[in-house]
Amino acid sequence: MKYNILSYTALFFSLSVLTTSCVQDEDLVQTDPNLETTGSFWKTDDDAMQGLNATYAALVTDGAYQRSTPLCLDLKADDSHSNSPWGAMLNVGKFNSDVYNFDIYGWAYETYFIGINRANQVLSRVPNIDMADSQLKNRILGQAYFLRGLYLFHAVNMFKNVPVPTEPAAFYAQKSNAEGWAQVIADFTAAAELLPVSYDGVTGLDAGVKGRATKGAALGYLGKAYLFTKDFENAKVAFKKVIDLGHYSLMPNYRDNFTEAKENNDESLFEVQFDSSLGGTWIYPQGGVPNTTWNQATARAVTYGPRGFGWRDVQPTRTLFDDFHIEKTVSNEVDPRLIATVMYNKPGGVTLYGHDFATYYAASPGDLNDIYCNKYENSETKSDEFGWKSGINERLLRYSDILLMYAECLNETGNTSGAYSYIQMVRDRAQLPDLSIAKPGMTQDQMRDQIAHERFLEFALEGHRFDDIRRWGWLENPTKLAWLKSRDDEFNSYIKGREYFPIPQKEKDYNIGTIQNEGY
């Protein structure tokens, strides 16, 4: 069951403004009796749940996963590129975001801190509510810790040195990257201790609701935070705890991870809930905070959609297409993940949006021979994406990611041979040969390259690739950087420091003393 989270946003945003007001003269403040205030709101179980739902709501805004965050995560990597006429989008992939143009990356920055502020209100107010159900209270707090950790994870990962708010306040000083990661780890640790494995067996306002943060999601992101900070031992422990829950498994059909019909499935640890039947009728995103007129849909499909069916602002690279052909399946076929990820003129024919690909593009050789995104597209259920109303959930963390990250930790901690079996679980679904037979006895360095290849194909166009490139240090390695440039010419625009986005000029203007990231 999906839930309408936008309905809580207008009320809660007004509370957010009140709790961060800079007004000093209390005599100037007069209470509107028709308006909820922080003093009158945080009283009941339902208030606590509304505050929590408003914290989730930031995930479906334009700055987050409705559009901007996928663009920020995807476009710098070698699995995608953009020829968008919108300069702000084009420049993301060219490592050239403008500090004075807030579009896309600035919306993302703003949204993360809106989410953090809302989580802080839940964490500061809910403990003082007298709730009969202590377990419900713990779950609400656990979800708030998780969401604060998630928003801060993105902020620290993409913007490097950012404020680290842990309570409602009017001003937050910029902190170091290490301080940011420490808080992320603390939040996911707290969340993992409070959250259930599933909501199917609980009672209360959140009973049976799909899409809420769970113990598995918190442990998975805790492992990622450790992995991104190169604490492989602790990352390994966290990932093994997820595996040992016995709650997750790979979907037999890889494509099911990117359709509306198979949302919140056995492979999903956490996903952002979209539903075009929820919310209002307004569907055109343009930054800012949503209200009840907004539709709870995603603009990813139309933004990434093929020519004639979407805007074609984002496309897969030929490098990605070619890498899917490196290794054949055990039955000598092309990796089945290719067509689930990339729409192309497949031999034998392929249908997109009710049309035969070759027939539809026959009059345009450029389009006929081009390649387009198929992941997260409604190519099997809609006639096109121009309604801007895709309801496909964004899968942020999948079990296959846990398996491959665990394999990486094994390799980094000296157990290269132990990594094979976890990699093979992912390869088996793609019907690829046994890696221990195809490439036995790999060294640690060879296994690193193999894991990079496996992750490139498994998570293409899911926002993971550039994170991997940055955390592996490839941009500081002249050999690796030259290799990336040979695969994706957008890397020719890379300047040291621009692996991170700039701190928006707006933030520098508001928070005096904020230091801009290197390279800008």
Protein backbone atom coordinates (compact mmCIF):
# COMPACT_ATOMS: atom_id res chain seq x y z
CA MET A 1 0.00 0.00 0.00
CA LYS A 2 1.41 3.39 -1.00
CA TYR A 3 0.56 6.46 1.01
CA ASN A 4 0.02 10.11 0.12
CA ILE A 5 2.86 11.97 1.77
CA LEU A 6 2.36 15.31 0.02
CA SER A 7 -0.85 15.95 1.95
CA TYR A 8 1.22 16.58 5.08
CA THR A 9 3.78 18.86 3.50
CA ALA A 10 2.08 22.26 3.47
CA LEU A 11 1.27 22.10 7.19
CA PHE A 12 4.65 20.76 8.19
CA PHE A 13 6.57 23.24 6.07
CA SER A 14 4.83 26.08 7.90
CA LEU A 15 6.03 24.51 11.14
CA SER A 16 9.54 24.26 9.69
CA VAL A 17 9.58 27.97 9.01
CA LEU A 18 8.38 28.73 12.52
CA THR A 19 11.05 26.62 14.16
CA THR A 20 13.87 28.23 12.17
CA SER A 21 12.68 31.84 12.36
CA CYS A 22 15.34 34.46 13.01
CA VAL A 23 12.92 36.94 14.64
CA GLN A 24 14.37 38.04 17.98
CA ASP A 25 11.66 40.36 19.35
CA GLU A 26 8.95 38.07 20.69
CA ASP A 27 6.56 41.03 20.98
CA LEU A 28 6.41 41.13 17.18
CA VAL A 29 5.16 37.54 16.98
CA GLN A 30 1.40 37.09 17.10
CA THR A 31 -0.17 33.63 16.89
CA ASP A 32 -2.81 33.04 14.24
CA PRO A 33 -5.45 30.90 15.96
CA ASN A 34 -6.18 29.19 12.63
CA LEU A 35 -2.58 28.08 12.16
CA GLU A 36 -0.91 25.08 13.76
CA THR A 37 2.24 26.01 15.71
CA THR A 38 4.97 23.87 17.16
CA GLY A 39 3.43 24.44 20.56
CA SER A 40 0.01 23.12 19.55
CA PHE A 41 1.04 20.50 17.01
CA TRP A 42 3.38 17.96 18.63
CA LYS A 43 0.84 16.39 21.00
CA THR A 44 -0.41 13.04 19.66
CA ASP A 45 0.62 9.84 17.90
CA ASP A 46 -0.99 11.18 14.74
CA ASP A 47 1.03 14.42 14.97
CA ALA A 48 4.21 12.38 15.21
CA MET A 49 3.26 10.32 12.16
CA GLN A 50 2.32 13.42 10.15
CA GLY A 51 5.68 14.97 10.98
CA LEU A 52 7.45 11.78 9.91
CA ASN A 53 5.45 11.55 6.68
CA ALA A 54 6.39 15.13 5.85
CA THR A 55 10.04 14.10 6.30
CA TYR A 56 9.53 11.35 3.73
CA ALA A 57 7.80 13.86 1.44
CA ALA A 58 11.06 15.65 0.62
CA LEU A 59 12.15 12.49 -1.22
CA VAL A 60 9.52 12.96 -3.93
CA THR A 61 10.28 16.61 -4.70
CA ASP A 62 12.14 17.89 -7.74
CA GLY A 63 15.33 18.44 -5.80
CA ALA A 64 15.32 14.81 -4.67
CA TYR A 65 14.15 11.78 -6.63
CA GLN A 66 11.42 13.32 -8.73
CA ARG A 67 14.18 14.47 -11.08
CA SER A 68 17.25 16.38 -9.85
CA THR A 69 19.00 13.81 -7.65
CA PRO A 70 19.05 11.06 -10.33
CA LEU A 71 20.49 13.62 -12.75
CA CYS A 72 23.18 14.66 -10.26
CA LEU A 73 24.11 11.03 -9.59
CA ASP A 74 23.98 9.74 -13.17
CA LEU A 75 25.34 12.40 -15.49
CA LYS A 76 28.97 12.54 -14.33
CA ALA A 77 29.52 8.83 -14.90
CA ASP A 78 30.64 6.90 -17.98
CA ASP A 79 27.34 5.02 -18.30
CA SER A 80 25.35 8.11 -19.34
CA HIS A 81 25.63 11.39 -21.18
CA SER A 82 23.43 14.37 -21.96
CA ASN A 83 22.82 16.52 -25.00
CA SER A 84 20.09 18.47 -23.23
CA PRO A 85 19.37 22.01 -24.47
CA TRP A 86 19.04 22.97 -20.79
CA GLY A 87 22.47 24.25 -19.85
CA ALA A 88 22.17 23.36 -16.17
CA MET A 89 21.58 19.71 -17.05
CA LEU A 90 24.20 19.57 -19.78
CA ASN A 91 26.83 21.06 -17.49
CA VAL A 92 26.38 18.42 -14.78
CA GLY A 93 27.91 15.80 -17.05
CA LYS A 94 30.63 18.20 -18.15
CA PHE A 95 31.71 18.93 -14.56
CA ASN A 96 30.79 22.56 -15.14
CA SER A 97 27.89 23.42 -12.82
CA ASP A 98 27.57 27.18 -12.29
CA VAL A 99 27.78 28.37 -8.69
CA TYR A 100 25.35 31.18 -9.55
CA ASN A 101 22.79 28.97 -11.28
CA PHE A 102 20.85 27.07 -8.61
CA ASP A 103 19.04 24.78 -11.07
CA ILE A 104 19.24 21.01 -10.50
CA TYR A 105 22.24 20.65 -8.15
CA GLY A 106 21.12 23.61 -6.04
CA TRP A 107 17.60 22.23 -5.81
CA ALA A 108 19.12 18.98 -4.60
CA TYR A 109 21.20 20.76 -1.95
CA GLU A 110 18.18 22.72 -0.74
CA THR A 111 15.98 19.63 -0.59
CA TYR A 112 18.45 17.60 1.47
CA PHE A 113 18.47 20.25 4.16
CA ILE A 114 14.69 20.63 4.07
CA GLY A 115 14.54 16.89 4.75
CA ILE A 116 17.16 17.14 7.49
CA ASN A 117 15.28 19.99 9.15
CA ARG A 118 12.06 18.01 9.19
CA ALA A 119 13.81 14.95 10.58
CA ASN A 120 15.33 17.12 13.32
CA GLN A 121 11.90 18.34 14.32
CA VAL A 122 10.67 14.78 14.64
CA LEU A 123 13.72 13.78 16.64
CA SER A 124 13.47 16.77 18.97
CA ARG A 125 9.67 16.78 19.47
CA VAL A 126 8.50 13.17 19.41
CA PRO A 127 10.43 12.05 22.53
CA ASN A 128 8.28 14.51 24.54
CA ILE A 129 4.97 13.14 23.23
CA ASP A 130 3.20 10.80 25.64
CA MET A 131 2.55 7.80 23.39
CA ALA A 132 0.90 4.66 24.71
CA ASP A 133 2.64 2.53 22.09
CA SER A 134 6.36 2.73 22.86
CA GLN A 135 7.22 0.52 19.90
CA LEU A 136 5.46 2.89 17.51
CA LYS A 137 7.41 5.75 19.06
CA ASN A 138 10.68 3.87 18.53
CA ARG A 139 9.78 3.15 14.91
CA ILE A 140 8.98 6.80 14.25
CA LEU A 141 12.28 7.87 15.77
CA GLY A 142 14.13 5.12 13.91
CA GLN A 143 12.69 6.28 10.60
CA ALA A 144 13.59 9.89 11.39
CA TYR A 145 17.19 8.86 12.13
CA PHE A 146 17.26 6.91 8.88
CA LEU A 147 15.89 9.79 6.81
CA ARG A 148 18.24 12.33 8.37
CA GLY A 149 21.10 9.95 7.65
CA LEU A 150 19.92 9.49 4.06
CA TYR A 151 19.59 13.20 3.30
CA LEU A 152 22.93 13.92 4.95
CA PHE A 153 24.51 10.97 3.12
CA HIS A 154 23.61 12.66 -0.17
CA ALA A 155 24.74 16.09 1.00
CA VAL A 156 28.12 14.89 2.28
CA ASN A 157 28.67 12.57 -0.67
CA MET A 158 27.84 15.16 -3.34
CA PHE A 159 28.86 18.48 -1.75
CA LYS A 160 31.72 17.39 0.54
CA ASN A 161 31.88 19.98 3.37
CA VAL A 162 28.39 20.91 4.51
CA PRO A 163 26.53 21.89 7.67
CA VAL A 164 25.58 18.94 9.88
CA PRO A 165 22.37 19.96 11.67
CA THR A 166 21.24 17.69 14.49
CA GLU A 167 18.57 19.93 16.01
CA PRO A 168 16.28 22.75 14.80
CA ALA A 169 18.16 26.05 14.69
CA ALA A 170 18.45 29.21 12.63
CA PHE A 171 22.10 28.79 11.63
CA TYR A 172 24.37 25.82 11.00
CA ALA A 173 28.10 26.16 10.46
CA GLN A 174 29.88 24.30 7.70
CA LYS A 175 31.58 21.11 8.89
CA SER A 176 34.34 18.93 7.49
CA ASN A 177 33.63 15.94 5.27
CA ALA A 178 34.81 13.62 8.06
CA GLU A 179 32.39 15.20 10.54
CA GLY A 180 29.58 14.78 8.04
CA TRP A 181 30.30 11.08 7.50
CA ALA A 182 30.56 10.52 11.26
CA GLN A 183 27.03 11.86 11.72
CA VAL A 184 25.72 9.78 8.82
CA ILE A 185 27.16 6.67 10.46
CA ALA A 186 25.71 7.65 13.85
CA ASP A 187 22.25 8.18 12.35
CA PHE A 188 22.15 4.87 10.48
CA THR A 189 23.46 3.08 13.57
CA ALA A 190 20.65 4.55 15.68
CA ALA A 191 18.09 3.73 12.98
CA ALA A 192 19.20 0.10 12.73
CA GLU A 193 18.69 -0.36 16.46
CA LEU A 194 15.13 0.98 16.43
CA LEU A 195 13.64 -0.23 13.15
CA PRO A 196 11.83 -3.51 12.40
CA VAL A 197 12.77 -5.91 9.62
CA SER A 198 9.26 -5.46 8.20
CA TYR A 199 6.06 -3.58 9.00
CA ASP A 200 3.89 -6.60 8.26
CA GLY A 201 4.04 -7.84 11.84
CA VAL A 202 3.64 -4.56 13.71
CA THR A 203 0.58 -2.78 15.10
CA GLY A 204 -0.15 0.92 15.03
CA LEU A 205 -0.38 3.72 12.49
CA ASP A 206 2.37 2.26 10.29
CA ALA A 207 1.20 -1.36 10.30
CA GLY A 208 1.62 -3.08 6.95
CA VAL A 209 2.70 0.07 5.12
CA LYS A 210 5.17 -0.52 2.30
CA GLY A 211 8.07 1.80 1.58
CA ARG A 212 9.04 2.78 5.11
CA ALA A 213 12.62 2.49 6.28
CA THR A 214 13.50 -0.88 7.83
CA LYS A 215 16.37 -2.44 9.76
CA GLY A 216 17.72 -3.88 6.51
CA ALA A 217 17.71 -0.46 4.83
CA ALA A 218 19.48 1.15 7.80
CA LEU A 219 22.11 -1.60 7.95
CA GLY A 220 22.60 -1.43 4.20
CA TYR A 221 23.19 2.31 4.24
CA LEU A 222 25.36 2.01 7.33
CA GLY A 223 27.51 -0.41 5.37
CA LYS A 224 27.64 2.01 2.45
CA ALA A 225 28.72 4.87 4.70
CA TYR A 226 31.54 2.73 6.10
CA LEU A 227 32.48 1.58 2.60
CA PHE A 228 32.58 5.14 1.28
CA THR A 229 34.95 6.05 4.11
CA LYS A 230 37.09 2.96 3.46
CA ASP A 231 36.26 1.29 6.76
CA PHE A 232 35.98 -2.12 5.12
CA GLU A 233 35.86 -4.15 8.31
CA ASN A 234 32.82 -2.35 9.71
CA ALA A 235 31.21 -2.24 6.28
CA LYS A 236 31.64 -5.99 5.99
CA VAL A 237 29.95 -6.54 9.34
CA ALA A 238 26.97 -4.34 8.40
CA PHE A 239 26.45 -6.03 5.02
CA LYS A 240 26.69 -9.49 6.57
CA LYS A 241 23.97 -8.52 9.04
CA VAL A 242 21.70 -7.66 6.09
CA ILE A 243 22.46 -10.99 4.44
CA ASP A 244 21.87 -12.88 7.70
CA LEU A 245 18.43 -11.32 8.12
CA GLY A 246 17.30 -13.81 5.49
CA HIS A 247 14.68 -11.33 4.39
CA TYR A 248 15.96 -10.40 0.93
CA SER A 249 16.54 -12.26 -2.30
CA LEU A 250 17.20 -11.46 -5.95
CA MET A 251 14.20 -11.15 -8.22
CA PRO A 252 14.36 -13.83 -10.93
CA ASN A 253 13.63 -11.22 -13.61
CA TYR A 254 16.08 -8.31 -13.46
CA ARG A 255 13.61 -6.02 -15.24
CA ASP A 256 11.15 -6.35 -12.34
CA ASN A 257 13.36 -4.01 -10.32
CA PHE A 258 12.41 -1.06 -12.53
CA THR A 259 8.68 -1.42 -13.20
CA GLU A 260 5.62 -0.18 -11.36
CA ALA A 261 4.09 -3.66 -11.26
CA LYS A 262 6.88 -5.13 -9.09
CA GLU A 263 7.56 -2.36 -6.62
CA ASN A 264 8.67 -3.02 -3.03
CA ASN A 265 9.74 -6.51 -4.04
CA ASP A 266 11.99 -9.06 -2.34
CA GLU A 267 15.15 -7.44 -3.70
CA SER A 268 14.37 -3.91 -2.56
CA LEU A 269 15.80 -2.61 0.72
CA PHE A 270 14.55 0.93 0.21
CA GLU A 271 12.78 2.81 -2.56
CA VAL A 272 11.15 6.20 -2.99
CA GLN A 273 7.38 5.84 -3.34
CA PHE A 274 5.84 7.42 -6.44
CA ASP A 275 2.22 7.07 -7.51
CA SER A 276 0.65 9.22 -10.22
CA SER A 277 -2.80 8.58 -8.73
CA LEU A 278 -1.87 10.41 -5.51
CA GLY A 279 -1.67 14.11 -4.76
CA GLY A 280 -2.99 16.90 -6.99
CA THR A 281 -2.84 17.50 -10.71
CA TRP A 282 0.24 19.75 -10.98
CA ILE A 283 3.01 17.68 -12.53
CA TYR A 284 5.64 20.04 -13.90
CA PRO A 285 8.55 20.14 -11.44
CA GLN A 286 10.67 23.24 -11.08
CA GLY A 287 12.40 23.07 -7.72
CA GLY A 288 11.00 24.30 -4.45
CA VAL A 289 8.70 22.77 -1.86
CA PRO A 290 5.58 20.85 -2.95
CA ASN A 291 2.08 21.36 -1.75
CA THR A 292 -1.16 19.43 -2.06
CA THR A 293 -1.63 20.52 -5.69
CA TRP A 294 1.45 18.55 -6.74
CA ASN A 295 1.13 15.04 -8.12
CA GLN A 296 3.22 12.36 -6.41
CA ALA A 297 4.77 11.24 -9.70
CA THR A 298 8.32 11.19 -11.03
CA ALA A 299 9.70 13.06 -14.04
CA ARG A 300 12.55 10.61 -14.57
CA ALA A 301 10.80 8.69 -17.36
CA VAL A 302 10.06 11.72 -19.54
CA THR A 303 13.52 13.20 -18.90
CA TYR A 304 15.35 9.98 -19.81
CA GLY A 305 12.82 8.80 -22.42
CA PRO A 306 13.70 8.06 -26.07
CA ARG A 307 13.05 10.54 -28.86
CA GLY A 308 9.39 10.72 -29.76
CA PHE A 309 8.34 9.32 -26.39
CA GLY A 310 10.31 11.50 -23.98
CA TRP A 311 12.80 14.37 -23.96
CA ARG A 312 15.95 12.26 -24.49
CA ASP A 313 17.85 14.53 -22.08
CA VAL A 314 19.81 11.54 -20.77
CA GLN A 315 21.09 8.63 -22.83
CA PRO A 316 23.29 5.61 -22.14
CA THR A 317 26.82 5.71 -23.53
CA ARG A 318 28.16 3.46 -26.27
CA THR A 319 30.71 2.35 -23.70
CA LEU A 320 27.93 0.89 -21.58
CA PHE A 321 26.33 -0.76 -24.60
CA ASP A 322 29.65 -2.28 -25.67
CA ASP A 323 30.54 -3.51 -22.19
CA PHE A 324 27.33 -5.54 -22.07
CA HIS A 325 28.72 -7.47 -25.06
CA ILE A 326 32.06 -8.37 -23.46
CA GLU A 327 30.80 -11.62 -22.00
CA LYS A 328 28.09 -13.90 -23.36
CA THR A 329 25.69 -15.92 -21.25
CA VAL A 330 26.07 -19.67 -20.73
CA SER A 331 23.73 -20.13 -23.71
CA ASN A 332 25.85 -17.78 -25.85
CA GLU A 333 23.35 -14.93 -25.73
CA VAL A 334 23.76 -11.22 -24.97
CA ASP A 335 23.52 -10.32 -21.29
CA PRO A 336 19.74 -10.01 -20.65
CA ARG A 337 20.32 -6.93 -18.50
CA LEU A 338 21.19 -4.98 -21.65
CA ILE A 339 17.64 -4.75 -23.04
CA ALA A 340 16.29 -4.10 -19.53
CA THR A 341 18.66 -1.13 -19.32
CA VAL A 342 19.08 0.11 -22.90
CA MET A 343 16.49 0.39 -25.69
CA TYR A 344 18.09 -0.20 -29.10
CA ASN A 345 17.42 -1.75 -32.51
CA LYS A 346 17.74 -5.26 -31.19
CA PRO A 347 18.15 -8.03 -33.77
CA GLY A 348 14.86 -9.89 -34.02
CA GLY A 349 12.89 -6.78 -33.16
CA VAL A 350 11.86 -4.96 -30.03
CA THR A 351 8.74 -2.99 -29.09
CA LEU A 352 8.73 0.37 -27.36
CA TYR A 353 5.55 2.16 -26.36
CA GLY A 354 3.52 -0.09 -28.65
CA HIS A 355 5.71 0.48 -31.71
CA ASP A 356 8.29 -1.67 -33.42
CA PHE A 357 11.61 0.11 -32.86
CA ALA A 358 12.94 -0.40 -36.39
CA THR A 359 9.68 0.65 -38.03
CA TYR A 360 9.16 3.74 -35.87
CA TYR A 361 12.65 5.11 -36.54
CA ALA A 362 13.02 3.81 -40.10
CA ALA A 363 12.94 7.29 -41.66
CA SER A 364 15.66 8.58 -39.32
CA PRO A 365 18.92 6.61 -39.53
CA GLY A 366 20.40 8.60 -36.64
CA ASP A 367 17.59 7.58 -34.31
CA LEU A 368 17.46 4.04 -35.69
CA ASN A 369 21.10 3.51 -34.77
CA ASP A 370 20.94 5.43 -31.51
CA ILE A 371 20.51 3.95 -28.04
CA TYR A 372 18.11 5.10 -25.33
CA CYS A 373 17.33 4.49 -21.68
CA ASN A 374 14.91 1.66 -20.93
CA LYS A 375 15.42 1.37 -17.18
CA TYR A 376 12.61 3.11 -15.25
CA GLU A 377 10.69 3.72 -18.49
CA ASN A 378 7.02 2.78 -19.00
CA SER A 379 7.79 1.39 -22.46
CA GLU A 380 5.57 -1.66 -21.93
CA THR A 381 2.53 0.06 -20.40
CA LYS A 382 2.19 3.58 -21.87
CA SER A 383 2.04 5.21 -25.29
CA ASP A 384 4.65 7.82 -24.29
CA GLU A 385 6.02 9.71 -21.28
CA PHE A 386 4.88 13.23 -22.14
CA GLY A 387 2.23 13.21 -19.42
CA TRP A 388 5.10 13.70 -16.93
CA LYS A 389 3.33 11.25 -14.63
CA SER A 390 5.38 8.12 -14.14
CA GLY A 391 4.54 6.20 -11.00
CA ILE A 392 7.60 3.94 -10.99
CA ASN A 393 9.32 3.87 -7.60
CA GLU A 394 13.00 4.77 -7.51
CA ARG A 395 14.93 1.84 -6.04
CA LEU A 396 17.70 3.35 -3.94
CA LEU A 397 19.16 0.18 -2.49
CA ARG A 398 18.85 -3.35 -3.86
CA TYR A 399 20.01 -6.68 -2.46
CA SER A 400 22.33 -7.21 -5.43
CA ASP A 401 24.15 -4.07 -4.27
CA ILE A 402 24.53 -5.56 -0.80
CA LEU A 403 26.01 -8.74 -2.29
CA LEU A 404 28.52 -6.92 -4.50
CA MET A 405 29.51 -4.46 -1.77
CA TYR A 406 30.02 -7.38 0.61
CA ALA A 407 32.18 -9.08 -2.01
CA GLU A 408 34.19 -5.87 -2.31
CA CYS A 409 34.73 -5.79 1.45
CA LEU A 410 35.89 -9.40 1.44
CA ASN A 411 38.40 -8.59 -1.27
CA GLU A 412 39.62 -5.45 0.50
CA THR A 413 40.10 -7.33 3.78
CA GLY A 414 42.22 -10.09 2.25
CA ASN A 415 39.59 -12.71 1.41
CA THR A 416 39.61 -12.45 -2.38
CA SER A 417 38.63 -16.07 -2.83
CA GLY A 418 35.57 -15.55 -0.64
CA ALA A 419 34.30 -12.78 -2.92
CA TYR A 420 33.63 -15.16 -5.81
CA SER A 421 30.46 -16.76 -4.43
CA TYR A 422 28.70 -13.47 -3.69
CA ILE A 423 29.55 -12.07 -7.11
CA GLN A 424 28.27 -15.27 -8.69
CA MET A 425 24.86 -14.86 -7.06
CA VAL A 426 24.40 -11.71 -9.14
CA ARG A 427 25.95 -13.24 -12.26
CA ASP A 428 23.70 -16.29 -12.05
CA ARG A 429 20.60 -14.19 -12.60
CA ALA A 430 22.21 -12.77 -15.73
CA GLN A 431 23.04 -16.35 -16.78
CA LEU A 432 26.74 -15.58 -16.93
CA PRO A 433 29.42 -18.30 -16.60
CA ASP A 434 30.89 -19.33 -13.25
CA LEU A 435 33.49 -16.66 -12.50
CA SER A 436 35.61 -19.04 -10.44
CA ILE A 437 36.05 -21.13 -13.60
CA ALA A 438 36.25 -18.29 -16.11
CA LYS A 439 38.75 -16.29 -14.04
CA PRO A 440 40.15 -18.44 -11.23
CA GLY A 441 42.71 -17.24 -8.71
CA MET A 442 42.41 -13.50 -9.31
CA THR A 443 44.67 -11.18 -7.34
CA GLN A 444 43.20 -8.45 -5.18
CA ASP A 445 43.80 -5.84 -7.90
CA GLN A 446 42.27 -8.07 -10.57
CA MET A 447 39.25 -8.67 -8.36
CA ARG A 448 38.86 -4.92 -7.86
CA ASP A 449 38.62 -4.45 -11.61
CA GLN A 450 36.21 -7.37 -11.90
CA ILE A 451 33.92 -5.98 -9.20
CA ALA A 452 34.01 -2.60 -10.94
CA HIS A 453 32.88 -4.29 -14.17
CA GLU A 454 30.14 -6.25 -12.42
CA ARG A 455 28.82 -3.12 -10.73
CA PHE A 456 28.95 -1.12 -13.98
CA LEU A 457 26.56 -3.54 -15.67
CA GLU A 458 24.31 -4.41 -12.72
CA PHE A 459 23.67 -0.80 -11.64
CA ALA A 460 23.87 1.13 -14.92
CA LEU A 461 21.79 4.31 -14.87
CA GLU A 462 20.94 3.84 -11.18
CA GLY A 463 23.18 6.59 -9.81
CA HIS A 464 25.94 4.36 -8.42
CA ARG A 465 28.68 4.52 -11.03
CA PHE A 466 30.13 7.96 -10.35
CA ASP A 467 30.05 7.34 -6.62
CA ASP A 468 32.15 4.27 -7.30
CA ILE A 469 34.57 6.15 -9.56
CA ARG A 470 35.11 8.84 -6.93
CA ARG A 471 35.45 6.56 -3.92
CA TRP A 472 37.85 4.25 -5.75
CA GLY A 473 40.17 7.20 -6.41
CA TRP A 474 40.11 6.79 -10.18
CA LEU A 475 40.04 10.55 -10.80
CA GLU A 476 43.37 10.92 -8.95
CA ASN A 477 44.90 7.99 -10.85
CA PRO A 478 46.30 9.22 -14.19
CA THR A 479 45.94 5.79 -15.81
CA LYS A 480 42.34 5.35 -14.72
CA LEU A 481 41.43 8.93 -15.63
CA ALA A 482 42.88 8.48 -19.12
CA TRP A 483 40.86 5.27 -19.43
CA LEU A 484 37.68 7.12 -18.39
CA LYS A 485 38.38 9.82 -20.96
CA SER A 486 38.69 7.16 -23.65
CA ARG A 487 35.29 5.77 -22.65
CA ASP A 488 33.40 9.03 -22.17
CA ASP A 489 34.73 12.30 -23.61
CA GLU A 490 32.86 14.30 -20.96
CA PHE A 491 35.72 13.37 -18.62
CA ASN A 492 37.94 15.64 -20.71
CA SER A 493 36.18 18.50 -18.90
CA TYR A 494 37.06 17.19 -15.47
CA ILE A 495 38.97 19.58 -13.20
CA LYS A 496 40.34 18.50 -9.84
CA GLY A 497 37.79 19.12 -7.13
CA ARG A 498 34.81 18.93 -9.43
CA GLU A 499 34.07 15.37 -8.45
CA TYR A 500 31.92 17.30 -5.97
CA PHE A 501 29.29 19.86 -6.84
CA PRO A 502 29.85 23.48 -5.86
CA ILE A 503 28.33 24.86 -2.70
CA PRO A 504 25.46 26.98 -4.12
CA GLN A 505 26.19 30.69 -3.99
CA LYS A 506 22.89 31.14 -2.15
CA GLU A 507 24.25 29.03 0.69
CA LYS A 508 27.45 31.07 0.80
CA ASP A 509 25.43 34.28 0.91
CA TYR A 510 23.24 33.05 3.77
CA ASN A 511 25.92 31.24 5.78
CA ILE A 512 28.76 33.73 5.93
CA GLY A 513 32.13 32.00 6.17
CA THR A 514 31.15 29.00 4.04
CA ILE A 515 34.15 27.87 2.01
CA GLN A 516 33.62 26.93 -1.64
CA ASN A 517 34.73 23.50 -2.87
CA GLU A 518 38.02 23.19 -4.72
CA GLY A 519 37.79 23.77 -8.46
CA TYR A 520 35.05 26.40 -8.40
